Amino acid sequence: MIIMIDSIKSEEILKDMAASGVQRIPLQVVRGCVVASIQIDLDPEVLRQFQNDLLERVQKSRATGVILDVSGIDVLDLDDFKGLRSTMEMAEIMGARPILSGLKPGVVSALIDLGVDPEGVNAVLNLDDAFQLLDGIQEKSAKTVEIIDNGNESNSDHRQE
C-alpha cells in the first residue's frame, strides 16, 4: 500500500514539475528513504530547487536515509559534485543518512583527477547496495542505542543499591 501512495505522490510531483519553469529532480520515498533519481544537468537553479524539495521531503516523510542516484549522469563536474556534497550534508544535518549511488567509472576518474576529496562520502555501485548499506547503518545504530540504554539501566540499578 505504501508503494501505491508513493506512486500517487510521484504523479502529483511530476505534474507540479511540468507546471513550473525550473526542471526538478523526481523524489520518491522507499523503505523510509528519500530516493532522488538525478538525470539532468545540475545548474545552480536546478540544484537550489532540488535542495529545497529534498529537505522538505525529508522533513515531511521523516526519512532516515537519502539516496542520490546519479546512474543517469554521464558528466559530473567539480561544481556539480560540490553541490551534491553540500546537499548530502544538509540531509545529514536533518538526520537522514546520505548515500551517493551509481557513479560511473569515468565520472569517478574525472572527479579524482579534478582533486575531489572523497573523504566522508558514502558511495555505492547501485540502489540495492545503497539500501543494504542503510540497513546496516540503521542496525548498527539500533545496537548502539540498545547498549547505551542497557548501560543507563545498570547505572540506575547501581545508584538504587
C-alpha atoms as a PDB file:
ATOM      1  CA  MET A   1       0.000   0.000   0.000  1.00  0.00           C
ATOM      2  CA  ILE A   2       2.783   2.448   0.811  1.00  0.00           C
ATOM      3  CA  ILE A   3       4.192   1.987  -2.674  1.00  0.00           C
ATOM      4  CA  MET A   4       0.809   2.907  -4.178  1.00  0.00           C
ATOM      5  CA  ILE A   5       0.669   6.070  -2.059  1.00  0.00           C
ATOM      6  CA  ASP A   6       4.225   6.977  -3.045  1.00  0.00           C
ATOM      7  CA  SER A   7       3.442   6.462  -6.747  1.00  0.00           C
ATOM      8  CA  ILE A   8       0.399   8.708  -6.444  1.00  0.00           C
ATOM      9  CA  LYS A   9       2.538  11.374  -4.775  1.00  0.00           C
ATOM     10  CA  SER A  10       5.119  10.939  -7.545  1.00  0.00           C
ATOM     11  CA  GLU A  11       2.458  11.605 -10.176  1.00  0.00           C
ATOM     12  CA  GLU A  12       1.450  14.795  -8.342  1.00  0.00           C
ATOM     13  CA  ILE A  13       5.081  15.901  -8.173  1.00  0.00           C
ATOM     14  CA  LEU A  14       5.558  15.277 -11.890  1.00  0.00           C
ATOM     15  CA  LYS A  15       2.523  17.461 -12.628  1.00  0.00           C
ATOM     16  CA  ASP A  16       3.938  20.223 -10.399  1.00  0.00           C
ATOM     17  CA  MET A  17       7.299  19.898 -12.120  1.00  0.00           C
ATOM     18  CA  ALA A  18       5.710  20.363 -15.526  1.00  0.00           C
ATOM     19  CA  ALA A  19       3.847  23.467 -14.320  1.00  0.00           C
ATOM     20  CA  SER A  20       6.960  25.264 -13.031  1.00  0.00           C
ATOM     21  CA  GLY A  21       9.699  26.670 -15.244  1.00  0.00           C
ATOM     22  CA  VAL A  22      12.569  25.043 -13.329  1.00  0.00           C
ATOM     23  CA  GLN A  23      13.462  21.440 -14.039  1.00  0.00           C
ATOM     24  CA  ARG A  24      13.003  19.305 -10.963  1.00  0.00           C
ATOM     25  CA  ILE A  25      14.523  16.059  -9.853  1.00  0.00           C
ATOM     26  CA  PRO A  26      11.900  13.423  -9.018  1.00  0.00           C
ATOM     27  CA  LEU A  27      11.867  12.204  -5.421  1.00  0.00           C
ATOM     28  CA  GLN A  28      10.261   9.066  -4.031  1.00  0.00           C
ATOM     29  CA  VAL A  29      10.073   7.673  -0.523  1.00  0.00           C
ATOM     30  CA  VAL A  30      11.016   3.998  -0.443  1.00  0.00           C
ATOM     31  CA  ARG A  31      11.564   1.990   2.763  1.00  0.00           C
ATOM     32  CA  GLY A  32      11.861   5.147   4.845  1.00  0.00           C
ATOM     33  CA  CYS A  33      14.404   6.725   2.493  1.00  0.00           C
ATOM     34  CA  VAL A  34      14.084   9.572   0.041  1.00  0.00           C
ATOM     35  CA  VAL A  35      15.430   8.422  -3.329  1.00  0.00           C
ATOM     36  CA  ALA A  36      16.384  11.073  -5.875  1.00  0.00           C
ATOM     37  CA  SER A  37      16.948   9.911  -9.438  1.00  0.00           C
ATOM     38  CA  ILE A  38      19.212  12.580 -10.904  1.00  0.00           C
ATOM     39  CA  GLN A  39      19.281  12.504 -14.692  1.00  0.00           C
ATOM     40  CA  ILE A  40      19.541  16.186 -15.620  1.00  0.00           C
ATOM     41  CA  ASP A  41      22.261  18.835 -15.577  1.00  0.00           C
ATOM     42  CA  LEU A  42      22.681  20.411 -12.166  1.00  0.00           C
ATOM     43  CA  ASP A  43      22.781  24.105 -12.969  1.00  0.00           C
ATOM     44  CA  PRO A  44      22.608  26.377  -9.883  1.00  0.00           C
ATOM     45  CA  GLU A  45      18.853  26.992 -10.205  1.00  0.00           C
ATOM     46  CA  VAL A  46      18.059  23.268 -10.522  1.00  0.00           C
ATOM     47  CA  LEU A  47      20.366  22.482  -7.603  1.00  0.00           C
ATOM     48  CA  ARG A  48      18.711  25.076  -5.330  1.00  0.00           C
ATOM     49  CA  GLN A  49      15.260  23.760  -6.207  1.00  0.00           C
ATOM     50  CA  PHE A  50      16.448  20.175  -5.654  1.00  0.00           C
ATOM     51  CA  GLN A  51      17.879  21.037  -2.232  1.00  0.00           C
ATOM     52  CA  ASN A  52      14.621  22.693  -1.166  1.00  0.00           C
ATOM     53  CA  ASP A  53      12.498  19.820  -2.476  1.00  0.00           C
ATOM     54  CA  LEU A  54      14.732  17.174  -0.896  1.00  0.00           C
ATOM     55  CA  LEU A  55      14.866  18.795   2.533  1.00  0.00           C
ATOM     56  CA  GLU A  56      11.098  19.332   2.559  1.00  0.00           C
ATOM     57  CA  ARG A  57      10.557  15.683   1.616  1.00  0.00           C
ATOM     58  CA  VAL A  58      12.976  14.505   4.325  1.00  0.00           C
ATOM     59  CA  GLN A  59      11.114  16.562   6.907  1.00  0.00           C
ATOM     60  CA  LYS A  60       7.606  15.559   5.801  1.00  0.00           C
ATOM     61  CA  SER A  61       8.416  11.858   5.441  1.00  0.00           C
ATOM     62  CA  ARG A  62      10.708  11.695   8.498  1.00  0.00           C
ATOM     63  CA  ALA A  63      13.138   9.791   6.282  1.00  0.00           C
ATOM     64  CA  THR A  64      16.128   8.126   7.899  1.00  0.00           C
ATOM     65  CA  GLY A  65      18.127   7.985   4.685  1.00  0.00           C
ATOM     66  CA  VAL A  66      18.669   9.814   1.415  1.00  0.00           C
ATOM     67  CA  ILE A  67      19.900   8.091  -1.726  1.00  0.00           C
ATOM     68  CA  LEU A  68      21.126  10.252  -4.571  1.00  0.00           C
ATOM     69  CA  ASP A  69      21.081   8.000  -7.628  1.00  0.00           C
ATOM     70  CA  VAL A  70      23.382   9.522 -10.240  1.00  0.00           C
ATOM     71  CA  SER A  71      23.490   6.495 -12.553  1.00  0.00           C
ATOM     72  CA  GLY A  72      21.815   8.614 -15.246  1.00  0.00           C
ATOM     73  CA  ILE A  73      24.635  11.193 -15.260  1.00  0.00           C
ATOM     74  CA  ASP A  74      27.480  10.776 -17.745  1.00  0.00           C
ATOM     75  CA  VAL A  75      29.304  14.013 -16.882  1.00  0.00           C
ATOM     76  CA  LEU A  76      29.673  15.481 -13.397  1.00  0.00           C
ATOM     77  CA  ASP A  77      31.969  18.470 -12.979  1.00  0.00           C
ATOM     78  CA  LEU A  78      33.547  19.777  -9.789  1.00  0.00           C
ATOM     79  CA  ASP A  79      30.794  22.346  -9.141  1.00  0.00           C
ATOM     80  CA  ASP A  80      28.077  19.719  -9.620  1.00  0.00           C
ATOM     81  CA  PHE A  81      29.838  17.382  -7.191  1.00  0.00           C
ATOM     82  CA  LYS A  82      30.284  20.149  -4.611  1.00  0.00           C
ATOM     83  CA  GLY A  83      26.581  20.933  -4.926  1.00  0.00           C
ATOM     84  CA  LEU A  84      25.645  17.276  -4.395  1.00  0.00           C
ATOM     85  CA  ARG A  85      28.029  17.020  -1.458  1.00  0.00           C
ATOM     86  CA  SER A  86      26.504  20.134   0.097  1.00  0.00           C
ATOM     87  CA  THR A  87      23.034  18.637  -0.399  1.00  0.00           C
ATOM     88  CA  MET A  88      24.165  15.430   1.299  1.00  0.00           C
ATOM     89  CA  GLU A  89      25.491  17.433   4.264  1.00  0.00           C
ATOM     90  CA  MET A  90      22.152  19.253   4.550  1.00  0.00           C
ATOM     91  CA  ALA A  91      20.273  15.951   4.618  1.00  0.00           C
ATOM     92  CA  GLU A  92      22.620  14.583   7.259  1.00  0.00           C
ATOM     93  CA  ILE A  93      22.079  17.615   9.479  1.00  0.00           C
ATOM     94  CA  MET A  94      18.356  16.840   9.260  1.00  0.00           C
ATOM     95  CA  GLY A  95      19.027  13.296  10.491  1.00  0.00           C
ATOM     96  CA  ALA A  96      18.930  11.387   7.191  1.00  0.00           C
ATOM     97  CA  ARG A  97      21.971   9.316   6.219  1.00  0.00           C
ATOM     98  CA  PRO A  98      23.055  10.320   2.688  1.00  0.00           C
ATOM     99  CA  ILE A  99      24.382   7.833   0.143  1.00  0.00           C
ATOM    100  CA  LEU A 100      25.591   8.504  -3.383  1.00  0.00           C
ATOM    101  CA  SER A 101      24.668   5.690  -5.752  1.00  0.00           C
ATOM    102  CA  GLY A 102      25.542   4.797  -9.324  1.00  0.00           C
ATOM    103  CA  LEU A 103      28.664   6.832 -10.068  1.00  0.00           C
ATOM    104  CA  LYS A 104      30.129   5.709 -13.380  1.00  0.00           C
ATOM    105  CA  PRO A 105      33.842   4.817 -13.609  1.00  0.00           C
ATOM    106  CA  GLY A 106      34.610   7.709 -15.971  1.00  0.00           C
ATOM    107  CA  VAL A 107      32.886  10.187 -13.665  1.00  0.00           C
ATOM    108  CA  VAL A 108      34.818   8.897 -10.642  1.00  0.00           C
ATOM    109  CA  SER A 109      38.112   9.074 -12.539  1.00  0.00           C
ATOM    110  CA  ALA A 110      37.427  12.635 -13.693  1.00  0.00           C
ATOM    111  CA  LEU A 111      36.444  13.787 -10.202  1.00  0.00           C
ATOM    112  CA  ILE A 112      39.615  12.370  -8.653  1.00  0.00           C
ATOM    113  CA  ASP A 113      41.690  13.984 -11.439  1.00  0.00           C
ATOM    114  CA  LEU A 114      39.991  17.296 -10.552  1.00  0.00           C
ATOM    115  CA  GLY A 115      41.107  16.903  -6.935  1.00  0.00           C
ATOM    116  CA  VAL A 116      37.840  15.917  -5.260  1.00  0.00           C
ATOM    117  CA  ASP A 117      38.329  14.643  -1.717  1.00  0.00           C
ATOM    118  CA  PRO A 118      36.105  11.552  -1.328  1.00  0.00           C
ATOM    119  CA  GLU A 119      36.506  11.586   2.474  1.00  0.00           C
ATOM    120  CA  GLY A 120      33.168  11.210   4.232  1.00  0.00           C
ATOM    121  CA  VAL A 121      31.150  10.386   1.111  1.00  0.00           C
ATOM    122  CA  ASN A 122      29.203   7.130   1.364  1.00  0.00           C
ATOM    123  CA  ALA A 123      29.129   5.847  -2.208  1.00  0.00           C
ATOM    124  CA  VAL A 124      27.902   2.541  -3.607  1.00  0.00           C
ATOM    125  CA  LEU A 125      27.531   0.965  -7.038  1.00  0.00           C
ATOM    126  CA  ASN A 126      23.732   0.737  -7.238  1.00  0.00           C
ATOM    127  CA  LEU A 127      20.430   1.207  -5.414  1.00  0.00           C
ATOM    128  CA  ASP A 128      20.424  -2.316  -3.971  1.00  0.00           C
ATOM    129  CA  ASP A 129      23.803  -1.667  -2.368  1.00  0.00           C
ATOM    130  CA  ALA A 130      22.535   1.696  -1.062  1.00  0.00           C
ATOM    131  CA  PHE A 131      19.605   0.060   0.723  1.00  0.00           C
ATOM    132  CA  GLN A 132      21.881  -2.655   2.132  1.00  0.00           C
ATOM    133  CA  LEU A 133      24.285  -0.008   3.448  1.00  0.00           C
ATOM    134  CA  LEU A 134      21.456   1.979   5.040  1.00  0.00           C
ATOM    135  CA  ASP A 135      20.035  -1.180   6.612  1.00  0.00           C
ATOM    136  CA  GLY A 136      23.478  -1.951   8.058  1.00  0.00           C
ATOM    137  CA  ILE A 137      23.917   1.578   9.406  1.00  0.00           C
ATOM    138  CA  GLN A 138      20.466   1.544  10.998  1.00  0.00           C
ATOM    139  CA  GLU A 139      21.067  -1.888  12.513  1.00  0.00           C
ATOM    140  CA  LYS A 140      24.380  -0.713  13.966  1.00  0.00           C
ATOM    141  CA  SER A 141      22.723   2.453  15.335  1.00  0.00           C
ATOM    142  CA  ALA A 142      19.970   0.383  16.943  1.00  0.00           C
ATOM    143  CA  LYS A 143      22.559  -1.824  18.644  1.00  0.00           C
ATOM    144  CA  THR A 144      24.422   1.241  19.895  1.00  0.00           C
ATOM    145  CA  VAL A 145      21.216   2.676  21.350  1.00  0.00           C
ATOM    146  CA  GLU A 146      20.477  -0.686  22.975  1.00  0.00           C
ATOM    147  CA  ILE A 147      23.951  -0.795  24.540  1.00  0.00           C
ATOM    148  CA  ILE A 148      23.592   2.769  25.796  1.00  0.00           C
ATOM    149  CA  ASP A 149      20.127   2.013  27.181  1.00  0.00           C
ATOM    150  CA  ASN A 150      21.415  -1.108  28.895  1.00  0.00           C
ATOM    151  CA  GLY A 151      24.295   0.892  30.329  1.00  0.00           C
ATOM    152  CA  ASN A 152      21.903   3.506  31.696  1.00  0.00           C
ATOM    153  CA  GLU A 153      19.741   0.831  33.264  1.00  0.00           C
ATOM    154  CA  SER A 154      22.704  -0.750  35.011  1.00  0.00           C
ATOM    155  CA  ASN A 155      23.866   2.676  36.224  1.00  0.00           C
ATOM    156  CA  SER A 156      20.417   3.471  37.612  1.00  0.00           C
ATOM    157  CA  ASP A 157      20.289  -0.011  39.220  1.00  0.00           C
ATOM    158  CA  HIS A 158      23.689   0.667  40.784  1.00  0.00           C
ATOM    159  CA  ARG A 159      22.513   4.003  42.182  1.00  0.00           C
ATOM    160  CA  GLN A 160      19.492   2.370  43.789  1.00  0.00           C
ATOM    161  CA  GLU A 161      21.649  -0.049  45.757  1.00  0.00           C
END
